[in-house]
Amino acid sequence: MTKMTREELIETVEKYRPTVFRVAFGYTGNYEDSEDISQDVFLKLYQTDKNFKDEEHKKAWIIRVTINAAKSLLRTSWRVKRADMPTEDVPYYSDTADSELFDCVMRLTEKYRTVVYLYYYEDYSVEQVAKIVGISRTAVTTRLARAREQLKKTYTNNEKEGIINERRCFESL
């Protein structure tokens, strides 16, 4: 087993940084914490002697380490004490529709948010999501179905409110 080279690390960071950041942001809801977690994850990757079977195995390992790091951060007393502090975080997506949908996904409870993110944003299969999260395949499909129902209601309501607000703006001109 050999540690990865600096060049391999740079290539991996460039490839997976957005994914790591979004997973961390999905848990923490905080830009700075997500950046810190991202740095920690890639430092752990650099320090590990683990041999990965393939690129998918490496990606799954990185996501699992990210989830664990985010959960650890959320359990710290510092995080609990500053939970009432306002944050000025912005969504990671620049496209408005993608940003609104991502915001709706991020408002789901953790158990739904994680499976939706891994399934839809990272293109993992149900079996892969089950393995990464550590739950059964049936639990993943149930959570996806329930999350879709919640998102349908939330996103549809947001769209209706947006259309109503748009009409009000045009009527006032």
N, C-alpha and C. Protein backbone atom coordinates (compact mmCIF):
# COMPACT_ATOMS: atom_id res chain seq x y z
N MET A 1 0.83 -1.18 0.00
CA MET A 1 0.00 0.00 0.00
C MET A 1 0.88 1.25 0.00
N THR A 2 0.53 2.17 -0.88
CA THR A 2 1.29 3.41 -0.96
C THR A 2 0.34 4.59 -0.87
N LYS A 3 0.84 5.65 -0.30
CA LYS A 3 0.04 6.87 -0.22
C LYS A 3 -0.03 7.49 -1.61
N MET A 4 -1.06 8.25 -1.85
CA MET A 4 -1.20 8.89 -3.15
C MET A 4 -0.21 10.03 -3.29
N THR A 5 0.15 10.31 -4.51
CA THR A 5 1.08 11.40 -4.78
C THR A 5 0.34 12.73 -4.69
N ARG A 6 1.11 13.78 -4.65
CA ARG A 6 0.53 15.12 -4.59
C ARG A 6 -0.34 15.38 -5.82
N GLU A 7 0.12 14.95 -6.99
CA GLU A 7 -0.62 15.14 -8.23
C GLU A 7 -1.95 14.37 -8.21
N GLU A 8 -1.92 13.15 -7.68
CA GLU A 8 -3.15 12.37 -7.57
C GLU A 8 -4.14 13.04 -6.63
N LEU A 9 -3.62 13.59 -5.54
CA LEU A 9 -4.48 14.29 -4.59
C LEU A 9 -5.12 15.51 -5.24
N ILE A 10 -4.33 16.29 -5.95
CA ILE A 10 -4.85 17.48 -6.61
C ILE A 10 -5.94 17.11 -7.61
N GLU A 11 -5.71 16.05 -8.37
CA GLU A 11 -6.70 15.58 -9.34
C GLU A 11 -7.98 15.13 -8.65
N THR A 12 -7.84 14.42 -7.54
CA THR A 12 -9.00 13.93 -6.79
C THR A 12 -9.76 15.09 -6.17
N VAL A 13 -9.06 16.06 -5.61
CA VAL A 13 -9.71 17.23 -5.01
C VAL A 13 -10.50 17.98 -6.08
N GLU A 14 -9.90 18.20 -7.24
CA GLU A 14 -10.59 18.91 -8.31
C GLU A 14 -11.86 18.16 -8.75
N LYS A 15 -11.77 16.84 -8.76
CA LYS A 15 -12.89 16.03 -9.23
C LYS A 15 -14.03 15.95 -8.22
N TYR A 16 -13.69 15.80 -6.92
CA TYR A 16 -14.71 15.51 -5.90
C TYR A 16 -15.01 16.67 -4.95
N ARG A 17 -14.33 17.77 -5.05
CA ARG A 17 -14.56 18.88 -4.13
C ARG A 17 -16.01 19.35 -4.14
N PRO A 18 -16.63 19.56 -5.31
CA PRO A 18 -18.04 20.00 -5.30
C PRO A 18 -18.96 18.99 -4.60
N THR A 19 -18.72 17.71 -4.82
CA THR A 19 -19.54 16.67 -4.20
C THR A 19 -19.38 16.69 -2.69
N VAL A 20 -18.15 16.73 -2.24
CA VAL A 20 -17.86 16.74 -0.80
C VAL A 20 -18.50 17.98 -0.16
N PHE A 21 -18.33 19.12 -0.81
CA PHE A 21 -18.88 20.35 -0.26
C PHE A 21 -20.41 20.25 -0.16
N ARG A 22 -21.07 19.78 -1.22
CA ARG A 22 -22.54 19.71 -1.20
C ARG A 22 -23.05 18.73 -0.15
N VAL A 23 -22.37 17.60 0.00
CA VAL A 23 -22.79 16.65 1.04
C VAL A 23 -22.63 17.28 2.42
N ALA A 24 -21.49 17.92 2.65
CA ALA A 24 -21.25 18.57 3.94
C ALA A 24 -22.25 19.70 4.16
N PHE A 25 -22.51 20.48 3.13
CA PHE A 25 -23.45 21.60 3.24
C PHE A 25 -24.86 21.08 3.52
N GLY A 26 -25.19 19.94 2.93
CA GLY A 26 -26.49 19.33 3.17
C GLY A 26 -26.69 18.97 4.63
N TYR A 27 -25.63 18.62 5.31
CA TYR A 27 -25.73 18.29 6.74
C TYR A 27 -25.62 19.53 7.62
N THR A 28 -24.67 20.40 7.32
CA THR A 28 -24.39 21.52 8.22
C THR A 28 -25.20 22.77 7.91
N GLY A 29 -25.50 22.99 6.62
CA GLY A 29 -26.19 24.21 6.24
C GLY A 29 -25.32 25.44 6.40
N ASN A 30 -24.02 25.24 6.49
CA ASN A 30 -23.11 26.33 6.75
C ASN A 30 -21.91 26.25 5.81
N TYR A 31 -21.62 27.34 5.12
CA TYR A 31 -20.56 27.38 4.12
C TYR A 31 -19.18 27.11 4.74
N GLU A 32 -18.88 27.79 5.83
CA GLU A 32 -17.56 27.65 6.45
C GLU A 32 -17.34 26.24 6.99
N ASP A 33 -18.34 25.70 7.66
CA ASP A 33 -18.22 24.33 8.17
C ASP A 33 -18.01 23.35 7.02
N SER A 34 -18.71 23.56 5.93
CA SER A 34 -18.59 22.68 4.77
C SER A 34 -17.19 22.75 4.17
N GLU A 35 -16.63 23.94 4.14
CA GLU A 35 -15.25 24.10 3.67
C GLU A 35 -14.27 23.37 4.59
N ASP A 36 -14.45 23.52 5.89
CA ASP A 36 -13.58 22.83 6.86
C ASP A 36 -13.67 21.32 6.72
N ILE A 37 -14.89 20.83 6.58
CA ILE A 37 -15.09 19.39 6.42
C ILE A 37 -14.42 18.91 5.14
N SER A 38 -14.56 19.68 4.08
CA SER A 38 -13.93 19.32 2.81
C SER A 38 -12.42 19.17 2.96
N GLN A 39 -11.81 20.12 3.63
CA GLN A 39 -10.36 20.04 3.86
C GLN A 39 -10.00 18.81 4.68
N ASP A 40 -10.76 18.55 5.72
CA ASP A 40 -10.50 17.38 6.57
C ASP A 40 -10.62 16.08 5.80
N VAL A 41 -11.64 15.99 4.95
CA VAL A 41 -11.87 14.76 4.18
C VAL A 41 -10.68 14.50 3.25
N PHE A 42 -10.23 15.52 2.56
CA PHE A 42 -9.12 15.31 1.62
C PHE A 42 -7.79 15.08 2.34
N LEU A 43 -7.65 15.65 3.52
CA LEU A 43 -6.47 15.35 4.33
C LEU A 43 -6.47 13.88 4.75
N LYS A 44 -7.64 13.39 5.19
CA LYS A 44 -7.76 11.97 5.55
C LYS A 44 -7.47 11.07 4.35
N LEU A 45 -7.96 11.47 3.20
CA LEU A 45 -7.70 10.70 1.98
C LEU A 45 -6.21 10.64 1.69
N TYR A 46 -5.55 11.77 1.84
CA TYR A 46 -4.11 11.83 1.57
C TYR A 46 -3.33 10.97 2.57
N GLN A 47 -3.79 10.92 3.80
CA GLN A 47 -3.08 10.19 4.84
C GLN A 47 -3.39 8.70 4.88
N THR A 48 -4.44 8.29 4.20
CA THR A 48 -4.83 6.88 4.27
C THR A 48 -3.94 6.00 3.39
N ASP A 49 -3.78 4.78 3.82
CA ASP A 49 -3.04 3.80 3.03
C ASP A 49 -4.00 2.84 2.32
N LYS A 50 -5.26 3.19 2.31
CA LYS A 50 -6.29 2.33 1.75
C LYS A 50 -6.14 2.21 0.23
N ASN A 51 -6.25 0.98 -0.26
CA ASN A 51 -6.29 0.75 -1.71
C ASN A 51 -7.74 0.68 -2.15
N PHE A 52 -8.09 1.46 -3.14
CA PHE A 52 -9.44 1.47 -3.64
C PHE A 52 -9.55 0.57 -4.86
N LYS A 53 -10.64 -0.21 -4.91
CA LYS A 53 -10.84 -1.15 -6.03
C LYS A 53 -10.95 -0.40 -7.35
N ASP A 54 -11.67 0.71 -7.33
CA ASP A 54 -11.87 1.52 -8.53
C ASP A 54 -12.28 2.92 -8.11
N GLU A 55 -12.59 3.74 -9.08
CA GLU A 55 -12.94 5.13 -8.82
C GLU A 55 -14.26 5.24 -8.04
N GLU A 56 -15.22 4.37 -8.31
CA GLU A 56 -16.48 4.38 -7.58
C GLU A 56 -16.27 4.05 -6.10
N HIS A 57 -15.38 3.12 -5.83
CA HIS A 57 -15.06 2.76 -4.44
C HIS A 57 -14.45 3.96 -3.73
N LYS A 58 -13.56 4.66 -4.40
CA LYS A 58 -12.94 5.86 -3.83
C LYS A 58 -14.00 6.93 -3.55
N LYS A 59 -14.89 7.15 -4.51
CA LYS A 59 -15.94 8.16 -4.35
C LYS A 59 -16.85 7.81 -3.17
N ALA A 60 -17.24 6.54 -3.07
CA ALA A 60 -18.10 6.11 -1.96
C ALA A 60 -17.39 6.31 -0.62
N TRP A 61 -16.11 6.01 -0.56
CA TRP A 61 -15.33 6.19 0.66
C TRP A 61 -15.29 7.67 1.03
N ILE A 62 -15.06 8.52 0.05
CA ILE A 62 -14.98 9.97 0.29
C ILE A 62 -16.33 10.49 0.82
N ILE A 63 -17.43 10.05 0.23
CA ILE A 63 -18.75 10.49 0.68
C ILE A 63 -19.04 9.99 2.09
N ARG A 64 -18.70 8.75 2.37
CA ARG A 64 -18.92 8.19 3.72
C ARG A 64 -18.11 8.96 4.76
N VAL A 65 -16.86 9.28 4.45
CA VAL A 65 -16.02 10.06 5.38
C VAL A 65 -16.62 11.46 5.56
N THR A 66 -17.15 12.03 4.50
CA THR A 66 -17.78 13.36 4.58
C THR A 66 -19.00 13.32 5.50
N ILE A 67 -19.84 12.32 5.31
CA ILE A 67 -21.03 12.18 6.16
C ILE A 67 -20.62 12.02 7.62
N ASN A 68 -19.65 11.17 7.88
CA ASN A 68 -19.19 10.97 9.26
C ASN A 68 -18.61 12.25 9.86
N ALA A 69 -17.84 12.99 9.07
CA ALA A 69 -17.25 14.24 9.56
C ALA A 69 -18.34 15.27 9.87
N ALA A 70 -19.34 15.34 9.00
CA ALA A 70 -20.44 16.29 9.23
C ALA A 70 -21.23 15.93 10.47
N LYS A 71 -21.52 14.65 10.63
CA LYS A 71 -22.26 14.22 11.82
C LYS A 71 -21.45 14.49 13.09
N SER A 72 -20.15 14.27 13.03
CA SER A 72 -19.29 14.55 14.19
C SER A 72 -19.32 16.03 14.54
N LEU A 73 -19.25 16.87 13.52
CA LEU A 73 -19.29 18.32 13.75
C LEU A 73 -20.61 18.73 14.39
N LEU A 74 -21.70 18.16 13.91
CA LEU A 74 -23.01 18.52 14.44
C LEU A 74 -23.19 18.11 15.90
N ARG A 75 -22.42 17.13 16.34
CA ARG A 75 -22.50 16.67 17.73
C ARG A 75 -21.62 17.49 18.69
N THR A 76 -20.76 18.33 18.17
CA THR A 76 -19.85 19.08 19.04
C THR A 76 -20.61 20.14 19.84
N SER A 77 -20.11 20.44 21.03
CA SER A 77 -20.78 21.44 21.87
C SER A 77 -20.70 22.83 21.25
N TRP A 78 -19.62 23.14 20.55
CA TRP A 78 -19.48 24.45 19.90
C TRP A 78 -20.60 24.64 18.89
N ARG A 79 -20.87 23.62 18.12
CA ARG A 79 -21.92 23.69 17.10
C ARG A 79 -23.29 23.91 17.76
N VAL A 80 -23.55 23.23 18.83
CA VAL A 80 -24.82 23.36 19.54
C VAL A 80 -24.97 24.77 20.09
N LYS A 81 -23.89 25.33 20.64
CA LYS A 81 -23.96 26.67 21.24
C LYS A 81 -24.15 27.76 20.20
N ARG A 82 -23.61 27.58 19.00
CA ARG A 82 -23.73 28.64 18.00
C ARG A 82 -24.89 28.41 17.05
N ALA A 83 -25.72 27.42 17.31
CA ALA A 83 -26.83 27.09 16.42
C ALA A 83 -27.79 28.26 16.24
N ASP A 84 -27.87 29.15 17.22
CA ASP A 84 -28.79 30.27 17.12
C ASP A 84 -28.21 31.46 16.36
N MET A 85 -26.93 31.40 16.03
CA MET A 85 -26.31 32.49 15.30
C MET A 85 -26.82 32.51 13.87
N PRO A 86 -27.09 33.70 13.32
CA PRO A 86 -27.55 33.76 11.93
C PRO A 86 -26.43 33.41 10.97
N THR A 87 -26.78 32.81 9.85
CA THR A 87 -25.79 32.50 8.82
C THR A 87 -26.19 33.20 7.54
N GLU A 88 -25.22 33.50 6.72
CA GLU A 88 -25.47 34.17 5.46
C GLU A 88 -25.01 33.26 4.32
N ASP A 89 -25.36 32.00 4.40
CA ASP A 89 -24.94 31.05 3.39
C ASP A 89 -25.78 31.20 2.14
N VAL A 90 -25.14 30.94 1.00
CA VAL A 90 -25.83 31.00 -0.27
C VAL A 90 -25.85 29.60 -0.87
N PRO A 91 -26.87 29.28 -1.65
CA PRO A 91 -26.91 27.98 -2.31
C PRO A 91 -25.70 27.79 -3.22
N TYR A 92 -25.35 26.55 -3.41
CA TYR A 92 -24.17 26.23 -4.21
C TYR A 92 -24.46 26.30 -5.71
N TYR A 93 -25.71 26.29 -6.13
CA TYR A 93 -26.07 26.32 -7.54
C TYR A 93 -26.35 27.74 -7.98
N SER A 94 -25.91 28.09 -9.18
CA SER A 94 -26.14 29.44 -9.69
C SER A 94 -27.45 29.53 -10.48
N ASP A 95 -27.89 28.45 -11.13
CA ASP A 95 -29.15 28.44 -11.87
C ASP A 95 -30.31 28.52 -10.87
N THR A 96 -31.27 29.41 -11.12
CA THR A 96 -32.35 29.66 -10.18
C THR A 96 -33.20 28.42 -9.91
N ALA A 97 -33.61 27.73 -10.97
CA ALA A 97 -34.46 26.54 -10.78
C ALA A 97 -33.71 25.47 -10.00
N ASP A 98 -32.44 25.23 -10.36
CA ASP A 98 -31.63 24.24 -9.63
C ASP A 98 -31.44 24.66 -8.19
N SER A 99 -31.23 25.94 -7.98
CA SER A 99 -31.02 26.46 -6.63
C SER A 99 -32.27 26.28 -5.77
N GLU A 100 -33.44 26.58 -6.33
CA GLU A 100 -34.68 26.44 -5.58
C GLU A 100 -34.95 24.98 -5.23
N LEU A 101 -34.74 24.09 -6.20
CA LEU A 101 -34.96 22.67 -5.95
C LEU A 101 -33.95 22.17 -4.91
N PHE A 102 -32.69 22.58 -5.05
CA PHE A 102 -31.67 22.17 -4.09
C PHE A 102 -32.02 22.67 -2.69
N ASP A 103 -32.53 23.90 -2.59
CA ASP A 103 -32.96 24.43 -1.29
C ASP A 103 -34.07 23.58 -0.69
N CYS A 104 -35.01 23.16 -1.53
CA CYS A 104 -36.10 22.30 -1.05
C CYS A 104 -35.55 20.96 -0.56
N VAL A 105 -34.60 20.41 -1.30
CA VAL A 105 -33.97 19.14 -0.90
C VAL A 105 -33.25 19.33 0.43
N MET A 106 -32.55 20.44 0.59
CA MET A 106 -31.78 20.67 1.81
C MET A 106 -32.68 20.91 3.02
N ARG A 107 -33.95 21.27 2.79
CA ARG A 107 -34.88 21.46 3.90
C ARG A 107 -35.52 20.16 4.37
N LEU A 108 -35.32 19.09 3.62
CA LEU A 108 -35.81 17.78 4.05
C LEU A 108 -35.07 17.36 5.31
N THR A 109 -35.66 16.46 6.09
CA THR A 109 -34.95 15.93 7.25
C THR A 109 -33.74 15.15 6.77
N GLU A 110 -32.78 14.97 7.65
CA GLU A 110 -31.51 14.35 7.29
C GLU A 110 -31.68 13.00 6.61
N LYS A 111 -32.55 12.16 7.13
CA LYS A 111 -32.68 10.81 6.57
C LYS A 111 -33.19 10.84 5.14
N TYR A 112 -34.03 11.79 4.79
CA TYR A 112 -34.52 11.91 3.42
C TYR A 112 -33.52 12.66 2.54
N ARG A 113 -32.96 13.72 3.09
CA ARG A 113 -32.02 14.55 2.34
C ARG A 113 -30.83 13.75 1.85
N THR A 114 -30.28 12.90 2.69
CA THR A 114 -29.09 12.13 2.34
C THR A 114 -29.36 11.18 1.18
N VAL A 115 -30.44 10.42 1.26
CA VAL A 115 -30.71 9.45 0.18
C VAL A 115 -31.07 10.17 -1.12
N VAL A 116 -31.80 11.27 -1.05
CA VAL A 116 -32.14 12.03 -2.26
C VAL A 116 -30.87 12.58 -2.90
N TYR A 117 -30.00 13.15 -2.08
CA TYR A 117 -28.77 13.72 -2.62
C TYR A 117 -27.92 12.65 -3.30
N LEU A 118 -27.70 11.55 -2.63
CA LEU A 118 -26.86 10.50 -3.20
C LEU A 118 -27.48 9.88 -4.46
N TYR A 119 -28.78 9.71 -4.45
CA TYR A 119 -29.46 9.06 -5.57
C TYR A 119 -29.56 10.01 -6.78
N TYR A 120 -30.03 11.22 -6.57
CA TYR A 120 -30.27 12.13 -7.69
C TYR A 120 -29.08 13.00 -8.07
N TYR A 121 -28.34 13.47 -7.10
CA TYR A 121 -27.25 14.38 -7.41
C TYR A 121 -25.94 13.65 -7.68
N GLU A 122 -25.74 12.50 -7.06
CA GLU A 122 -24.50 11.75 -7.27
C GLU A 122 -24.70 10.50 -8.13
N ASP A 123 -25.93 10.25 -8.54
CA ASP A 123 -26.26 9.14 -9.45
C ASP A 123 -25.88 7.75 -8.92
N TYR A 124 -26.01 7.56 -7.62
CA TYR A 124 -25.79 6.23 -7.06
C TYR A 124 -27.07 5.42 -7.22
N SER A 125 -26.92 4.11 -7.37
CA SER A 125 -28.09 3.23 -7.42
C SER A 125 -28.65 3.07 -6.01
N VAL A 126 -29.85 2.51 -5.93
CA VAL A 126 -30.47 2.27 -4.63
C VAL A 126 -29.57 1.37 -3.77
N GLU A 127 -29.01 0.36 -4.39
CA GLU A 127 -28.13 -0.57 -3.66
C GLU A 127 -26.89 0.16 -3.12
N GLN A 128 -26.32 1.02 -3.95
CA GLN A 128 -25.13 1.77 -3.52
C GLN A 128 -25.46 2.74 -2.39
N VAL A 129 -26.59 3.41 -2.50
CA VAL A 129 -27.02 4.34 -1.44
C VAL A 129 -27.21 3.57 -0.14
N ALA A 130 -27.85 2.42 -0.22
CA ALA A 130 -28.08 1.60 0.97
C ALA A 130 -26.76 1.23 1.64
N LYS A 131 -25.79 0.87 0.84
CA LYS A 131 -24.48 0.48 1.38
C LYS A 131 -23.76 1.67 2.01
N ILE A 132 -23.79 2.81 1.35
CA ILE A 132 -23.10 4.01 1.86
C ILE A 132 -23.73 4.49 3.16
N VAL A 133 -25.06 4.53 3.18
CA VAL A 133 -25.77 5.07 4.35
C VAL A 133 -25.89 4.02 5.46
N GLY A 134 -25.81 2.75 5.09
CA GLY A 134 -25.89 1.69 6.09
C GLY A 134 -27.31 1.30 6.46
N ILE A 135 -28.20 1.35 5.46
CA ILE A 135 -29.58 0.94 5.68
C ILE A 135 -29.96 -0.07 4.58
N SER A 136 -31.14 -0.66 4.71
CA SER A 136 -31.56 -1.65 3.71
C SER A 136 -32.01 -0.98 2.42
N ARG A 137 -32.04 -1.76 1.36
CA ARG A 137 -32.49 -1.29 0.05
C ARG A 137 -33.95 -0.82 0.14
N THR A 138 -34.76 -1.56 0.87
CA THR A 138 -36.16 -1.20 1.05
C THR A 138 -36.30 0.15 1.76
N ALA A 139 -35.47 0.38 2.76
CA ALA A 139 -35.51 1.65 3.48
C ALA A 139 -35.15 2.81 2.54
N VAL A 140 -34.20 2.58 1.65
CA VAL A 140 -33.82 3.63 0.69
C VAL A 140 -34.99 3.95 -0.22
N THR A 141 -35.63 2.93 -0.79
CA THR A 141 -36.75 3.19 -1.71
C THR A 141 -37.92 3.86 -0.98
N THR A 142 -38.16 3.48 0.26
CA THR A 142 -39.22 4.11 1.04
C THR A 142 -38.90 5.57 1.30
N ARG A 143 -37.66 5.84 1.70
CA ARG A 143 -37.26 7.23 1.97
C ARG A 143 -37.32 8.07 0.70
N LEU A 144 -36.90 7.50 -0.43
CA LEU A 144 -36.98 8.25 -1.69
C LEU A 144 -38.42 8.57 -2.05
N ALA A 145 -39.32 7.62 -1.89
CA ALA A 145 -40.73 7.86 -2.20
C ALA A 145 -41.32 8.94 -1.29
N ARG A 146 -41.03 8.86 -0.01
CA ARG A 146 -41.55 9.86 0.94
C ARG A 146 -40.95 11.24 0.68
N ALA A 147 -39.68 11.25 0.34
CA ALA A 147 -39.01 12.53 0.05
C ALA A 147 -39.60 13.15 -1.22
N ARG A 148 -39.86 12.34 -2.23
CA ARG A 148 -40.46 12.86 -3.46
C ARG A 148 -41.83 13.49 -3.18
N GLU A 149 -42.61 12.85 -2.33
CA GLU A 149 -43.92 13.40 -1.97
C GLU A 149 -43.76 14.75 -1.26
N GLN A 150 -42.83 14.82 -0.32
CA GLN A 150 -42.59 16.08 0.39
C GLN A 150 -42.09 17.16 -0.57
N LEU A 151 -41.18 16.78 -1.46
CA LEU A 151 -40.63 17.74 -2.42
C LEU A 151 -41.71 18.22 -3.39
N LYS A 152 -42.58 17.32 -3.80
CA LYS A 152 -43.65 17.69 -4.72
C LYS A 152 -44.50 18.79 -4.10
N LYS A 153 -44.86 18.62 -2.83
CA LYS A 153 -45.68 19.62 -2.13
C LYS A 153 -44.91 20.93 -1.95
N THR A 154 -43.70 20.82 -1.46
CA THR A 154 -42.89 22.01 -1.17
C THR A 154 -42.54 22.77 -2.43
N TYR A 155 -42.05 22.08 -3.43
CA TYR A 155 -41.60 22.73 -4.66
C TYR A 155 -42.78 23.33 -5.41
N THR A 156 -43.90 22.63 -5.46
CA THR A 156 -45.10 23.14 -6.12
C THR A 156 -45.59 24.40 -5.42
N ASN A 157 -45.61 24.38 -4.08
CA ASN A 157 -46.02 25.57 -3.32
C ASN A 157 -45.08 26.74 -3.58
N ASN A 158 -43.77 26.46 -3.64
CA ASN A 158 -42.79 27.53 -3.90
C ASN A 158 -43.00 28.12 -5.30
N GLU A 159 -43.28 27.24 -6.29
CA GLU A 159 -43.52 27.73 -7.65
C GLU A 159 -44.77 28.60 -7.70
N LYS A 160 -45.85 28.17 -7.02
CA LYS A 160 -47.10 28.94 -7.00
C LYS A 160 -46.87 30.30 -6.36
N GLU A 161 -46.14 30.32 -5.24
CA GLU A 161 -45.85 31.58 -4.56
C GLU A 161 -45.03 32.49 -5.45
N GLY A 162 -44.08 31.91 -6.18
CA GLY A 162 -43.24 32.68 -7.10
C GLY A 162 -44.07 33.29 -8.22
N ILE A 163 -45.02 32.53 -8.77
CA ILE A 163 -45.88 33.03 -9.84
C ILE A 163 -46.78 34.14 -9.31
N ILE A 164 -47.35 33.95 -8.13
CA ILE A 164 -48.21 34.96 -7.53
C ILE A 164 -47.42 36.25 -7.27
N ASN A 165 -46.20 36.11 -6.71
CA ASN A 165 -45.36 37.29 -6.46
C ASN A 165 -44.97 37.97 -7.76
N GLU A 166 -44.71 37.19 -8.82
CA GLU A 166 -44.36 37.74 -10.12
C GLU A 166 -45.52 38.55 -10.66
N ARG A 167 -46.75 37.99 -10.57
CA ARG A 167 -47.95 38.70 -11.05
C ARG A 167 -48.14 40.01 -10.30
N ARG A 168 -47.94 39.98 -8.98
CA ARG A 168 -48.08 41.20 -8.17
C ARG A 168 -47.11 42.27 -8.63
N CYS A 169 -45.88 41.85 -8.94
CA CYS A 169 -44.86 42.80 -9.40
C CYS A 169 -45.28 43.45 -10.72
N PHE A 170 -45.80 42.64 -11.66
CA PHE A 170 -46.21 43.17 -12.96
C PHE A 170 -47.45 44.04 -12.83
N GLU A 171 -48.37 43.67 -11.93
CA GLU A 171 -49.59 44.45 -11.74
C GLU A 171 -49.28 45.82 -11.15
N SER A 172 -48.22 45.89 -10.35
CA SER A 172 -47.89 47.17 -9.71
C SER A 172 -47.15 48.12 -10.65
N LEU A 173 -46.75 47.63 -11.82
CA LEU A 173 -46.04 48.51 -12.76
C LEU A 173 -46.96 49.44 -13.50
